[in-house]
């Protein structure tokens, strides 16, 4: 019998600290609805509004085949602090969710997705659950997304603060970095292999071992690392006493650091020795050098941002080598094509040595970010990698446009951003206009991206919106009126990305070329002193990487405007040829 999509979930809210079967029976539900909640598999959310601040919640999410028995277990559990707090609170409540199609696999999937959504809710300060448990294929799996949306909408109608709109949740940087994403087969295989290698290394009392994870922008590396981190904190397989194990996630990107710190705090991830889970590499190295101890597991997200020469607070010579000296095992996510500064450049011998010494190398090949046909992904890759512009084949899944002016492009991106269902959309640009973090220009209030009559401030300058000031750059409300750089947006995605390609990217004789003399990105165009004392420039390579980062941010759409007239003409011609191409194919 075919499954119907018009069946609504049953959701009832009851007091938690003294829950009994009578609480449901007092709701005067129909016999079938009452049975769905009391005798069938259910998913439940226990929440407690924190007393110190209104609209701040602590939540627990679970699933069960017997809500009566499971609730009694929770209420009588004296071993877990989260259960004791929920039981002792006079304001704790429970949402019990039932549906005619619920089975064990479906309730586990719904539970996992609720964990993912609630972790991303701004009002939720703590999410309590041992681990997510996403399922593979099962009888009602095709209905999961539809049923979940109905569940979430109904929860939203009951408490819009605790359960915000789906579109708001999905735009959150926390959502995108959540460990509760259902992994692809490729990601799941990679995670299982990494864990097996970690267990092997720790069991043999080895140290300084490297596991290398390679993948292009948008290949799902961040989600994999987040899932790995959470799994390790909840694993019972590690050959180390749980009270002694130390696991760290290191991030060298300011915006990402904030996101991961929030994630760790909400999930209650803590090392027993009191050392922070999420840190910057330099902070970690400096701390470890004082303790004369080695961390057990170090995960490095965006390891291509690690330094390979000293600067400011970091006096070493190579972040990764120093991390390997201070840990038993390092899992490093690496993409050469996202290196942006001379300080991050790897000399060829060092890079070859690292790859040779890695105990295990895993490659992620599938594009996860860009929601487009393969022809569109190939077009972007050809533009960046081959530096050629082919005719663009129309893509009904992906909104790709070339605008006649930056103002027209901004008007379009602003309109997209105003409609919540379209998600967060922002302006970006190659680093071809002056910007200094400290100080203001003599002749203006802000450092601006200026093209003719168009002028807009660079990122991180406008007064922050109070409600969103603690979020990542793209999530802050005022940033719709700013232009983001590679340094601000790297590691994040946007629903629609509008990219101003500045004068450092030109089109000559049928090829894209990169002109360091037209760039204001000093970190990319200055000399790099190599280990043998020779000075070398990497400007063209780093500007190419800059363009790569910018053009791979848009999930559902990419808008372009090029300052170079020949490049703009070539892009427009590529678009005009799409009709011919469509007719031909």
Protein backbone atom coordinates (compact mmCIF):
# COMPACT_ATOMS: atom_id res chain seq x y z
CA UNK A 1 0.00 0.00 0.00
CA UNK A 2 1.51 3.37 -1.02
CA UNK A 3 2.41 5.76 1.77
CA UNK A 4 0.39 8.97 2.07
CA UNK A 5 2.00 12.39 2.54
CA UNK A 6 -1.02 14.05 4.14
CA UNK A 7 -0.79 12.43 7.57
CA UNK A 8 0.00 14.85 10.39
CA UNK A 9 2.17 14.06 13.40
CA UNK A 10 0.69 14.00 16.90
CA UNK A 11 2.56 16.27 19.33
CA UNK A 12 1.58 16.79 22.94
CA UNK A 13 3.35 18.86 25.59
CA UNK A 14 3.29 17.65 29.21
CA UNK A 15 5.07 18.48 32.44
CA UNK A 16 8.18 16.37 32.71
CA UNK A 17 9.26 16.20 36.35
CA UNK A 18 6.22 14.19 37.37
CA UNK A 19 5.19 12.65 34.06
CA UNK A 20 2.77 9.74 34.11
CA UNK A 21 0.44 8.00 31.68
CA UNK A 22 -2.38 10.06 33.14
CA UNK A 23 -0.83 13.23 31.65
CA UNK A 24 -1.56 11.92 28.15
CA UNK A 25 -4.96 10.48 29.02
CA UNK A 26 -6.01 13.89 30.40
CA UNK A 27 -5.47 15.39 26.94
CA UNK A 28 -8.73 13.75 25.78
CA UNK A 29 -7.19 12.55 22.53
CA UNK A 30 -8.87 10.12 20.19
CA UNK A 31 -8.21 6.48 20.99
CA UNK A 32 -5.86 6.12 17.99
CA UNK A 33 -3.86 9.28 18.76
CA UNK A 34 -3.48 8.26 22.40
CA UNK A 35 -2.30 4.85 21.31
CA UNK A 36 0.28 6.39 18.93
CA UNK A 37 1.84 8.26 21.85
CA UNK A 38 1.64 5.55 24.54
CA UNK A 39 2.02 2.25 22.69
CA UNK A 40 3.96 3.04 19.51
CA UNK A 41 7.52 4.31 18.84
CA UNK A 42 7.84 7.99 19.67
CA UNK A 43 10.41 10.77 19.65
CA UNK A 44 10.55 13.14 22.61
CA UNK A 45 12.15 16.44 23.57
CA UNK A 46 12.68 17.40 27.20
CA UNK A 47 13.43 21.08 27.67
CA UNK A 48 14.02 23.34 30.60
CA UNK A 49 14.09 27.12 30.44
CA UNK A 50 17.24 28.19 32.25
CA UNK A 51 16.42 30.27 35.30
CA UNK A 52 19.22 32.79 34.85
CA UNK A 53 17.97 34.05 31.49
CA UNK A 54 14.56 33.97 29.83
CA UNK A 55 14.26 32.13 26.51
CA UNK A 56 17.47 30.17 27.08
CA UNK A 57 16.93 26.43 27.08
CA UNK A 58 18.64 23.20 27.96
CA UNK A 59 17.28 20.28 25.91
CA UNK A 60 17.46 16.51 25.71
CA UNK A 61 16.28 14.58 22.64
CA UNK A 62 15.48 10.88 22.60
CA UNK A 63 13.42 8.16 20.96
CA UNK A 64 11.74 5.10 22.42
CA UNK A 65 9.32 2.29 21.75
CA UNK A 66 7.81 2.78 25.23
CA UNK A 67 7.54 6.38 26.42
CA UNK A 68 6.17 5.35 29.84
CA UNK A 69 9.09 3.06 30.65
CA UNK A 70 11.74 5.38 29.16
CA UNK A 71 10.50 8.41 31.12
CA UNK A 72 10.56 6.43 34.38
CA UNK A 73 14.16 5.42 33.59
CA UNK A 74 15.15 9.06 33.10
CA UNK A 75 13.37 10.24 36.26
CA UNK A 76 15.00 7.52 38.35
CA UNK A 77 18.50 7.94 36.87
CA UNK A 78 20.81 9.33 39.56
CA UNK A 79 24.03 8.85 37.56
CA UNK A 80 23.59 11.58 34.96
CA UNK A 81 23.63 15.23 35.95
CA UNK A 82 21.49 16.32 32.99
CA UNK A 83 18.64 13.99 33.99
CA UNK A 84 18.88 15.05 37.65
CA UNK A 85 18.66 18.73 36.67
CA UNK A 86 15.67 18.17 34.42
CA UNK A 87 13.92 16.16 37.12
CA UNK A 88 14.63 18.78 39.79
CA UNK A 89 13.34 21.71 37.73
CA UNK A 90 9.80 22.99 38.16
CA UNK A 91 9.75 24.34 34.61
CA UNK A 92 10.89 21.29 32.66
CA UNK A 93 8.46 19.99 30.06
CA UNK A 94 8.33 17.26 27.46
CA UNK A 95 7.09 17.20 23.87
CA UNK A 96 6.01 13.69 22.85
CA UNK A 97 5.89 13.16 19.08
CA UNK A 98 4.00 10.35 17.38
CA UNK A 99 3.19 9.44 13.79
CA UNK A 100 1.42 6.60 12.08
CA UNK A 101 4.54 5.74 10.06
CA UNK A 102 7.02 5.74 12.96
CA UNK A 103 9.26 2.70 13.21
CA UNK A 104 12.62 2.28 14.92
CA UNK A 105 14.69 3.54 11.98
CA UNK A 106 12.46 6.53 11.28
CA UNK A 107 12.36 7.63 14.93
CA UNK A 108 16.17 7.41 15.07
CA UNK A 109 16.42 9.61 11.97
CA UNK A 110 13.90 12.11 13.36
CA UNK A 111 15.81 12.16 16.67
CA UNK A 112 19.08 12.84 14.84
CA UNK A 113 17.60 15.68 12.81
CA UNK A 114 16.01 17.24 15.89
CA UNK A 115 19.45 17.19 17.53
CA UNK A 116 20.87 18.91 14.45
CA UNK A 117 18.16 21.60 14.42
CA UNK A 118 18.10 22.28 18.16
CA UNK A 119 21.89 22.56 18.27
CA UNK A 120 21.48 25.36 15.72
CA UNK A 121 18.69 27.16 17.60
CA UNK A 122 20.02 30.39 19.13
CA UNK A 123 17.88 29.94 22.26
CA UNK A 124 19.34 26.47 23.01
CA UNK A 125 22.42 26.71 25.22
CA UNK A 126 22.92 23.01 25.89
CA UNK A 127 22.00 19.89 23.92
CA UNK A 128 22.19 16.64 25.83
CA UNK A 129 22.40 13.29 24.09
CA UNK A 130 25.02 10.58 23.92
CA UNK A 131 25.21 10.56 20.14
CA UNK A 132 23.25 10.89 16.93
CA UNK A 133 22.37 7.74 15.07
CA UNK A 134 21.43 8.47 11.45
CA UNK A 135 20.02 5.50 9.58
CA UNK A 136 20.57 4.06 6.14
CA UNK A 137 17.72 2.98 3.86
CA UNK A 138 14.46 1.62 5.31
CA UNK A 139 10.78 1.27 4.37
CA UNK A 140 9.65 4.81 5.27
CA UNK A 141 12.95 6.61 4.58
CA UNK A 142 11.53 8.44 1.54
CA UNK A 143 9.00 10.09 3.85
CA UNK A 144 11.50 11.23 6.48
CA UNK A 145 12.09 14.79 5.27
CA UNK A 146 8.41 15.47 4.71
CA UNK A 147 7.42 14.05 8.12
CA UNK A 148 10.21 15.97 9.84
CA UNK A 149 9.12 19.28 8.29
CA UNK A 150 5.57 18.69 9.53
CA UNK A 151 6.94 17.88 13.00
CA UNK A 152 9.11 21.00 13.09
CA UNK A 153 6.33 23.30 11.86
CA UNK A 154 4.02 22.01 14.56
CA UNK A 155 6.73 22.45 17.21
CA UNK A 156 7.30 25.99 15.91
CA UNK A 157 3.60 26.76 16.40
CA UNK A 158 3.90 25.61 20.02
CA UNK A 159 7.13 27.53 20.82
CA UNK A 160 8.60 29.79 18.12
CA UNK A 161 11.61 30.73 20.27
CA UNK A 162 12.78 27.20 20.99
CA UNK A 163 11.84 25.99 17.50
CA UNK A 164 12.58 28.81 14.97
CA UNK A 165 11.64 28.67 11.30
CA UNK A 166 13.41 25.93 9.34
CA UNK A 167 14.93 28.51 6.99
CA UNK A 168 16.52 30.34 9.94
CA UNK A 169 17.97 27.11 11.29
CA UNK A 170 19.38 25.96 7.96
CA UNK A 171 21.17 29.27 7.44
CA UNK A 172 22.98 28.99 10.74
CA UNK A 173 26.73 28.38 10.64
CA UNK A 174 26.21 25.96 13.53
CA UNK A 175 23.80 23.95 11.41
CA UNK A 176 26.33 23.70 8.61
CA UNK A 177 29.07 22.56 11.00
CA UNK A 178 26.83 20.23 12.99
CA UNK A 179 28.04 16.69 13.78
CA UNK A 180 24.48 15.42 13.28
CA UNK A 181 24.43 15.70 9.49
CA UNK A 182 23.71 12.41 7.79
CA UNK A 183 27.02 11.54 6.17
CA UNK A 184 27.30 10.35 2.61
CA UNK A 185 28.64 6.87 1.96
CA UNK A 186 32.01 8.44 1.06
CA UNK A 187 32.12 10.51 4.27
CA UNK A 188 30.99 7.62 6.47
CA UNK A 189 33.58 5.23 5.02
CA UNK A 190 36.25 7.88 5.55
CA UNK A 191 35.20 8.46 9.17
CA UNK A 192 35.19 4.73 9.98
CA UNK A 193 38.65 4.28 8.43
CA UNK A 194 40.02 7.28 10.33
CA UNK A 195 38.65 5.94 13.64
CA UNK A 196 40.17 2.50 12.98
CA UNK A 197 43.56 4.10 12.33
CA UNK A 198 43.26 6.25 15.47
CA UNK A 199 42.46 3.17 17.56
CA UNK A 200 45.44 1.33 16.06
CA UNK A 201 47.83 4.22 16.76
CA UNK A 202 46.68 4.66 20.35
CA UNK A 203 46.69 0.90 21.02
CA UNK A 204 50.32 0.67 19.91
CA UNK A 205 51.35 3.68 22.03
CA UNK A 206 52.63 5.48 18.95
CA UNK A 207 52.90 9.24 18.73
CA UNK A 208 53.40 11.94 16.15
CA UNK A 209 51.31 10.04 13.61
CA UNK A 210 49.50 11.87 10.81
CA UNK A 211 46.20 11.06 9.11
CA UNK A 212 45.69 13.33 6.08
CA UNK A 213 42.22 14.16 4.71
CA UNK A 214 42.28 15.79 1.26
CA UNK A 215 39.38 17.32 -0.63
CA UNK A 216 38.43 20.37 -2.67
CA UNK A 217 36.25 23.21 -1.43
CA UNK A 218 32.73 21.94 -0.79
CA UNK A 219 33.66 18.26 -0.56
CA UNK A 220 32.25 17.87 2.96
CA UNK A 221 35.48 18.00 4.97
CA UNK A 222 34.12 20.21 7.76
CA UNK A 223 31.06 18.04 8.41
CA UNK A 224 33.30 14.95 8.45
CA UNK A 225 35.62 16.52 11.05
CA UNK A 226 32.73 17.70 13.21
CA UNK A 227 31.17 14.24 13.15
CA UNK A 228 34.55 12.66 13.94
CA UNK A 229 35.08 14.98 16.92
CA UNK A 230 31.68 14.15 18.42
CA UNK A 231 32.10 10.45 17.82
CA UNK A 232 35.48 10.41 19.58
CA UNK A 233 34.06 12.19 22.62
CA UNK A 234 31.32 9.61 22.89
CA UNK A 235 33.33 6.54 21.98
CA UNK A 236 33.73 3.62 24.36
CA UNK A 237 36.39 2.06 22.13
CA UNK A 238 39.37 4.32 22.83
CA UNK A 239 42.16 2.40 24.62
CA UNK A 240 42.55 5.26 27.10
CA UNK A 241 40.77 5.94 30.37
CA UNK A 242 37.86 8.29 29.61
CA UNK A 243 38.89 10.49 32.49
CA UNK A 244 42.34 10.99 30.96
CA UNK A 245 41.76 11.20 27.19
CA UNK A 246 42.40 14.60 25.54
CA UNK A 247 40.83 15.48 22.19
CA UNK A 248 41.26 18.84 20.46
CA UNK A 249 39.89 20.57 17.39
CA UNK A 250 42.25 23.26 16.13
CA UNK A 251 41.09 26.07 13.86
CA UNK A 252 43.21 28.92 12.49
CA UNK A 253 40.27 30.91 11.10
CA UNK A 254 38.69 33.49 13.43
CA UNK A 255 35.12 33.10 12.14
CA UNK A 256 35.24 29.30 12.20
CA UNK A 257 36.82 29.33 15.65
CA UNK A 258 33.75 31.12 17.02
CA UNK A 259 31.40 28.57 15.44
CA UNK A 260 33.26 25.54 16.77
CA UNK A 261 33.57 27.05 20.25
CA UNK A 262 29.79 27.52 20.30
CA UNK A 263 29.30 23.96 19.08
CA UNK A 264 31.57 22.47 21.76
CA UNK A 265 29.90 24.52 24.49
CA UNK A 266 26.37 23.54 23.46
CA UNK A 267 27.29 19.87 23.26
CA UNK A 268 29.15 19.95 26.56
CA UNK A 269 32.41 18.69 25.03
CA UNK A 270 35.09 19.01 27.72
CA UNK A 271 38.49 17.48 28.28
CA UNK A 272 38.84 16.11 31.80
CA UNK A 273 42.15 17.95 32.24
CA UNK A 274 40.33 21.24 31.80
CA UNK A 275 42.13 22.20 28.56
CA UNK A 276 39.83 23.73 25.94
CA UNK A 277 38.63 21.41 23.19
CA UNK A 278 38.57 24.09 20.48
CA UNK A 279 41.68 26.24 20.17
CA UNK A 280 43.92 28.02 17.70
CA UNK A 281 47.03 26.01 16.71
CA UNK A 282 49.48 28.51 18.19
CA UNK A 283 47.61 28.61 21.52
CA UNK A 284 47.62 24.82 21.64
CA UNK A 285 51.35 24.54 20.83
CA UNK A 286 52.28 27.20 23.40
CA UNK A 287 50.18 25.46 26.06
CA UNK A 288 51.54 21.98 25.31
CA UNK A 289 55.13 23.19 25.43
CA UNK A 290 54.57 24.17 29.06
CA UNK A 291 53.00 20.86 30.14
CA UNK A 292 55.55 18.39 28.73
CA UNK A 293 52.67 16.11 27.75
CA UNK A 294 51.21 14.92 24.47
CA UNK A 295 47.57 15.29 23.56
CA UNK A 296 45.89 12.06 22.46
CA UNK A 297 44.01 13.23 19.37
CA UNK A 298 44.28 16.52 17.50
CA UNK A 299 41.92 17.31 14.62
CA UNK A 300 42.87 20.24 12.40
CA UNK A 301 40.11 21.71 10.24
CA UNK A 302 41.30 23.71 7.22
CA UNK A 303 44.90 22.60 7.84
CA UNK A 304 45.96 24.53 4.73
CA UNK A 305 45.60 27.64 6.92
CA UNK A 306 48.38 26.43 9.22
CA UNK A 307 51.54 28.51 9.20
CA UNK A 308 54.77 27.20 7.70
CA UNK A 309 56.91 30.02 9.07
CA UNK A 310 56.93 32.07 12.25
CA UNK A 311 54.94 35.27 12.78
CA UNK A 312 53.85 37.33 15.76
CA UNK A 313 52.87 34.97 18.60
CA UNK A 314 54.05 31.88 16.73
CA UNK A 315 57.84 31.54 16.89
CA UNK A 316 58.10 28.06 15.41
CA UNK A 317 58.84 27.08 11.83
CA UNK A 318 55.88 24.85 10.89
CA UNK A 319 52.53 24.53 12.65
CA UNK A 320 51.86 20.98 11.49
CA UNK A 321 55.29 19.64 12.45
CA UNK A 322 54.93 21.24 15.90
CA UNK A 323 51.47 19.69 16.28
CA UNK A 324 52.85 16.25 15.42
CA UNK A 325 55.50 16.75 18.12
CA UNK A 326 52.77 17.50 20.68
CA UNK A 327 50.18 14.82 19.90
CA UNK A 328 49.88 11.07 19.53
CA UNK A 329 47.79 11.38 16.38
CA UNK A 330 46.90 14.37 14.20
CA UNK A 331 44.00 14.29 11.73
CA UNK A 332 44.55 17.15 9.28
CA UNK A 333 42.13 18.36 6.59
CA UNK A 334 44.11 19.77 3.69
CA UNK A 335 43.42 21.50 0.37
CA UNK A 336 46.39 23.07 -1.46
CA UNK A 337 44.00 25.12 -3.58
CA UNK A 338 42.75 27.05 -0.55
CA UNK A 339 46.15 28.31 0.66
CA UNK A 340 45.84 32.10 0.64
CA UNK A 341 49.01 33.61 2.14
CA UNK A 342 52.76 33.26 1.73
CA UNK A 343 52.98 32.18 5.38
CA UNK A 344 50.91 29.09 4.51
CA UNK A 345 52.92 28.05 1.44
CA UNK A 346 54.45 24.59 1.67
CA UNK A 347 57.80 24.01 0.09
CA UNK A 348 57.57 21.04 -2.26
CA UNK A 349 60.03 18.87 -0.31
CA UNK A 350 58.17 19.43 2.98
CA UNK A 351 54.81 18.67 1.39
CA UNK A 352 56.13 15.50 -0.21
CA UNK A 353 57.63 14.46 3.14
CA UNK A 354 54.32 14.99 4.93
CA UNK A 355 52.44 12.87 2.39
CA UNK A 356 55.05 10.12 2.58
CA UNK A 357 54.98 10.11 6.38
CA UNK A 358 51.18 10.11 6.68
CA UNK A 359 49.97 6.81 8.03
CA UNK A 360 46.72 7.12 6.12
CA UNK A 361 45.49 9.47 3.38
CA UNK A 362 41.80 9.76 2.59
CA UNK A 363 40.47 11.72 -0.39
CA UNK A 364 36.98 13.22 -0.60
CA UNK A 365 36.00 13.62 -4.23
CA UNK A 366 32.28 14.40 -4.23
CA UNK A 367 31.09 18.02 -4.41
CA UNK A 368 28.72 18.59 -1.49
CA UNK A 369 28.25 22.36 -1.40
CA UNK A 370 27.19 23.45 -4.86
CA UNK A 371 23.65 22.33 -5.63
CA UNK A 372 24.13 22.27 -9.40
CA UNK A 373 24.41 19.99 -12.38
CA UNK A 374 27.85 18.52 -13.02
CA UNK A 375 28.23 20.73 -16.11
CA UNK A 376 28.09 23.85 -13.88
CA UNK A 377 30.65 22.45 -11.44
CA UNK A 378 32.89 21.54 -14.39
CA UNK A 379 32.49 25.08 -15.78
CA UNK A 380 33.64 26.65 -12.50
CA UNK A 381 36.54 24.21 -12.22
CA UNK A 382 37.64 24.94 -15.82
CA UNK A 383 37.57 28.67 -15.14
CA UNK A 384 39.74 28.32 -12.04
CA UNK A 385 41.98 25.34 -12.83
CA UNK A 386 42.43 25.63 -16.61
CA UNK A 387 41.86 29.43 -16.67
CA UNK A 388 39.56 29.11 -19.68
CA UNK A 389 35.95 30.20 -20.10
CA UNK A 390 33.76 27.74 -21.95
CA UNK A 391 30.17 28.40 -23.05
CA UNK A 392 27.90 27.98 -20.04
CA UNK A 393 25.29 25.26 -20.31
CA UNK A 394 22.00 26.40 -18.76
CA UNK A 395 21.36 24.83 -15.37
CA UNK A 396 17.78 24.75 -14.08
CA UNK A 397 19.04 23.79 -10.60
CA UNK A 398 21.57 26.62 -10.23
CA UNK A 399 21.08 30.37 -10.58
CA UNK A 400 24.14 31.61 -12.45
CA UNK A 401 24.21 35.20 -13.77
CA UNK A 402 26.66 37.78 -15.06
CA UNK A 403 25.62 41.36 -14.26
CA UNK A 404 26.32 44.56 -16.16
CA UNK A 405 27.20 46.50 -13.01
CA UNK A 406 28.07 45.81 -9.35
CA UNK A 407 25.04 47.88 -8.31
CA UNK A 408 22.66 45.66 -10.30
CA UNK A 409 24.30 42.63 -8.75
CA UNK A 410 23.97 44.05 -5.25
CA UNK A 411 20.28 44.86 -5.81
CA UNK A 412 19.70 41.24 -6.86
CA UNK A 413 21.61 39.75 -3.91
CA UNK A 414 19.85 42.09 -1.46
CA UNK A 415 16.48 40.97 -2.80
CA UNK A 416 17.50 37.31 -2.40
CA UNK A 417 18.57 37.94 1.18
CA UNK A 418 15.30 39.67 2.07
CA UNK A 419 13.31 36.54 1.31
CA UNK A 420 14.05 34.12 4.16
CA UNK A 421 13.35 31.04 2.09
CA UNK A 422 16.35 31.96 -0.08
CA UNK A 423 18.69 31.97 2.89
CA UNK A 424 21.72 34.15 3.51
CA UNK A 425 23.19 35.87 0.46
CA UNK A 426 26.18 38.22 0.48
CA UNK A 427 28.54 40.27 -1.67
CA UNK A 428 32.16 39.10 -1.98
CA UNK A 429 35.19 40.40 -3.84
CA UNK A 430 38.77 39.64 -4.69
CA UNK A 431 41.14 41.54 -2.40
CA UNK A 432 41.86 44.34 -4.90
CA UNK A 433 40.88 47.37 -2.83
CA UNK A 434 42.74 48.68 0.20
CA UNK A 435 41.70 47.53 3.64
CA UNK A 436 43.32 47.80 7.07
CA UNK A 437 41.89 46.27 10.20
CA UNK A 438 43.19 49.12 12.30
CA UNK A 439 42.64 52.75 11.37
CA UNK A 440 40.42 54.46 8.83
CA UNK A 441 41.30 56.02 5.47
CA UNK A 442 42.04 59.74 5.51
CA UNK A 443 39.34 60.61 3.00
CA UNK A 444 36.48 58.32 4.02
CA UNK A 445 34.68 56.72 6.96
CA UNK A 446 35.36 53.15 5.75
CA UNK A 447 37.70 51.16 3.55
CA UNK A 448 35.51 50.63 0.49
CA UNK A 449 35.22 48.51 -2.61
CA UNK A 450 34.73 51.25 -5.19
CA UNK A 451 33.92 50.82 -8.90
CA UNK A 452 32.72 53.98 -10.64
CA UNK A 453 29.65 55.22 -8.76
CA UNK A 454 29.38 51.99 -6.76
CA UNK A 455 30.93 51.95 -3.30
CA UNK A 456 30.45 49.54 -0.40
CA UNK A 457 32.48 48.99 2.78
CA UNK A 458 34.77 46.03 3.17
CA UNK A 459 33.81 43.46 5.81
CA UNK A 460 34.05 43.88 9.60
CA UNK A 461 33.60 47.65 9.61
CA UNK A 462 29.90 48.50 10.05
CA UNK A 463 28.50 48.71 13.61
CA UNK A 464 27.39 45.24 14.65
CA UNK A 465 23.74 44.36 15.07
CA UNK A 466 23.23 43.57 18.78
CA UNK A 467 21.05 40.52 18.14
CA UNK A 468 23.55 38.82 15.82
CA UNK A 469 26.94 40.21 16.91
CA UNK A 470 28.17 36.85 18.28
CA UNK A 471 27.45 34.98 15.05
CA UNK A 472 29.77 34.47 12.09
CA UNK A 473 30.25 37.38 9.66
CA UNK A 474 27.70 36.24 7.08
CA UNK A 475 25.02 35.66 9.76
CA UNK A 476 25.26 39.18 11.15
CA UNK A 477 22.43 41.38 9.83
CA UNK A 478 24.49 44.45 8.96
CA UNK A 479 26.83 42.47 6.67
CA UNK A 480 24.32 42.60 3.81
CA UNK A 481 25.74 46.11 3.36
CA UNK A 482 29.38 44.93 3.36
CA UNK A 483 31.65 43.10 0.93
CA UNK A 484 33.24 39.93 2.24
CA UNK A 485 36.80 38.90 1.49
CA UNK A 486 38.29 35.42 1.13
CA UNK A 487 39.63 35.64 4.68
CA UNK A 488 36.15 36.27 6.06
CA UNK A 489 34.14 33.78 4.04
CA UNK A 490 36.60 30.86 3.75
CA UNK A 491 35.15 27.71 5.31
CA UNK A 492 31.56 28.94 5.06
CA UNK A 493 28.90 28.83 2.38
CA UNK A 494 26.15 31.14 1.21
CA UNK A 495 22.87 30.41 -0.47
CA UNK A 496 23.72 32.96 -3.17
CA UNK A 497 27.20 34.40 -3.57
CA UNK A 498 27.73 37.60 -5.56
CA UNK A 499 31.41 37.97 -6.50
CA UNK A 500 33.09 41.12 -7.77
CA UNK A 501 36.14 39.93 -9.68
CA UNK A 502 38.58 42.80 -9.32
CA UNK A 503 41.40 44.01 -11.60
CA UNK A 504 43.88 41.37 -10.36
CA UNK A 505 42.01 38.85 -12.55
CA UNK A 506 42.20 39.61 -16.27
CA UNK A 507 41.37 37.92 -19.58
CA UNK A 508 43.97 38.07 -22.34
CA UNK A 509 44.35 36.00 -25.52
CA UNK A 510 41.65 33.53 -24.53
CA UNK A 511 43.06 32.83 -21.05
CA UNK A 512 42.46 34.11 -17.52
CA UNK A 513 45.61 35.59 -16.03
CA UNK A 514 46.37 36.83 -12.53
CA UNK A 515 48.03 40.19 -11.98
CA UNK A 516 49.63 40.60 -8.54
CA UNK A 517 50.40 44.26 -9.26
CA UNK A 518 46.66 45.00 -9.23
CA UNK A 519 46.03 43.20 -5.93
CA UNK A 520 45.93 44.81 -2.46
CA UNK A 521 46.37 41.44 -0.77
CA UNK A 522 49.84 41.95 0.73
CA UNK A 523 49.76 38.50 2.37
CA UNK A 524 49.52 36.95 -1.09
CA UNK A 525 51.81 39.10 -3.22
CA UNK A 526 54.78 39.69 -0.90
CA UNK A 527 57.96 37.63 -1.09
CA UNK A 528 58.33 34.35 0.78
CA UNK A 529 61.74 33.51 2.20
CA UNK A 530 62.39 29.80 1.63
CA UNK A 531 64.38 27.50 3.89
CA UNK A 532 67.52 27.99 1.75
CA UNK A 533 67.28 31.77 2.13
CA UNK A 534 65.99 32.39 -1.39
CA UNK A 535 63.11 34.84 -1.84
CA UNK A 536 60.28 33.75 -4.08
CA UNK A 537 56.91 35.12 -5.18
CA UNK A 538 53.72 33.02 -5.19
CA UNK A 539 51.29 35.81 -6.06
CA UNK A 540 49.73 34.26 -9.17
CA UNK A 541 49.12 30.92 -7.43
CA UNK A 542 47.64 32.56 -4.33
CA UNK A 543 45.39 34.90 -6.34
CA UNK A 544 44.15 31.84 -8.24
CA UNK A 545 43.37 30.18 -4.90
CA UNK A 546 41.58 33.35 -3.81
CA UNK A 547 39.30 33.18 -6.84
CA UNK A 548 38.73 29.47 -6.21
CA UNK A 549 37.50 30.14 -2.67
CA UNK A 550 35.14 32.91 -3.77
CA UNK A 551 33.57 31.05 -6.71
CA UNK A 552 32.79 27.96 -4.60
CA UNK A 553 30.75 29.67 -1.84
CA UNK A 554 27.30 29.71 -3.47
CA UNK A 555 25.05 26.71 -2.73
CA UNK A 556 22.15 27.63 -5.00
CA UNK A 557 23.51 30.50 -7.06
CA UNK A 558 26.56 32.45 -8.21
CA UNK A 559 26.45 36.04 -9.48
CA UNK A 560 29.48 37.61 -11.18
CA UNK A 561 30.74 41.01 -12.26
CA UNK A 562 34.28 41.53 -13.56
CA UNK A 563 36.12 44.86 -13.46
CA UNK A 564 38.41 43.85 -16.33
CA UNK A 565 36.49 44.68 -19.51
CA UNK A 566 37.82 41.74 -21.51
CA UNK A 567 36.97 39.29 -18.71
CA UNK A 568 33.50 40.79 -18.34
CA UNK A 569 32.98 40.46 -22.11
CA UNK A 570 34.14 36.81 -22.08
CA UNK A 571 31.76 35.97 -19.21
CA UNK A 572 28.84 37.64 -20.97
CA UNK A 573 29.65 35.78 -24.20
CA UNK A 574 29.77 32.48 -22.30
CA UNK A 575 26.25 33.18 -21.10
CA UNK A 576 24.99 34.24 -24.54
CA UNK A 577 26.26 30.98 -26.07
CA UNK A 578 24.24 28.84 -23.67
CA UNK A 579 21.21 28.90 -26.02
CA UNK A 580 23.29 27.61 -28.91
CA UNK A 581 24.79 24.98 -26.65
CA UNK A 582 21.37 23.91 -25.41
CA UNK A 583 20.05 23.53 -28.95
CA UNK A 584 23.14 21.56 -30.01
CA UNK A 585 22.96 19.08 -27.17
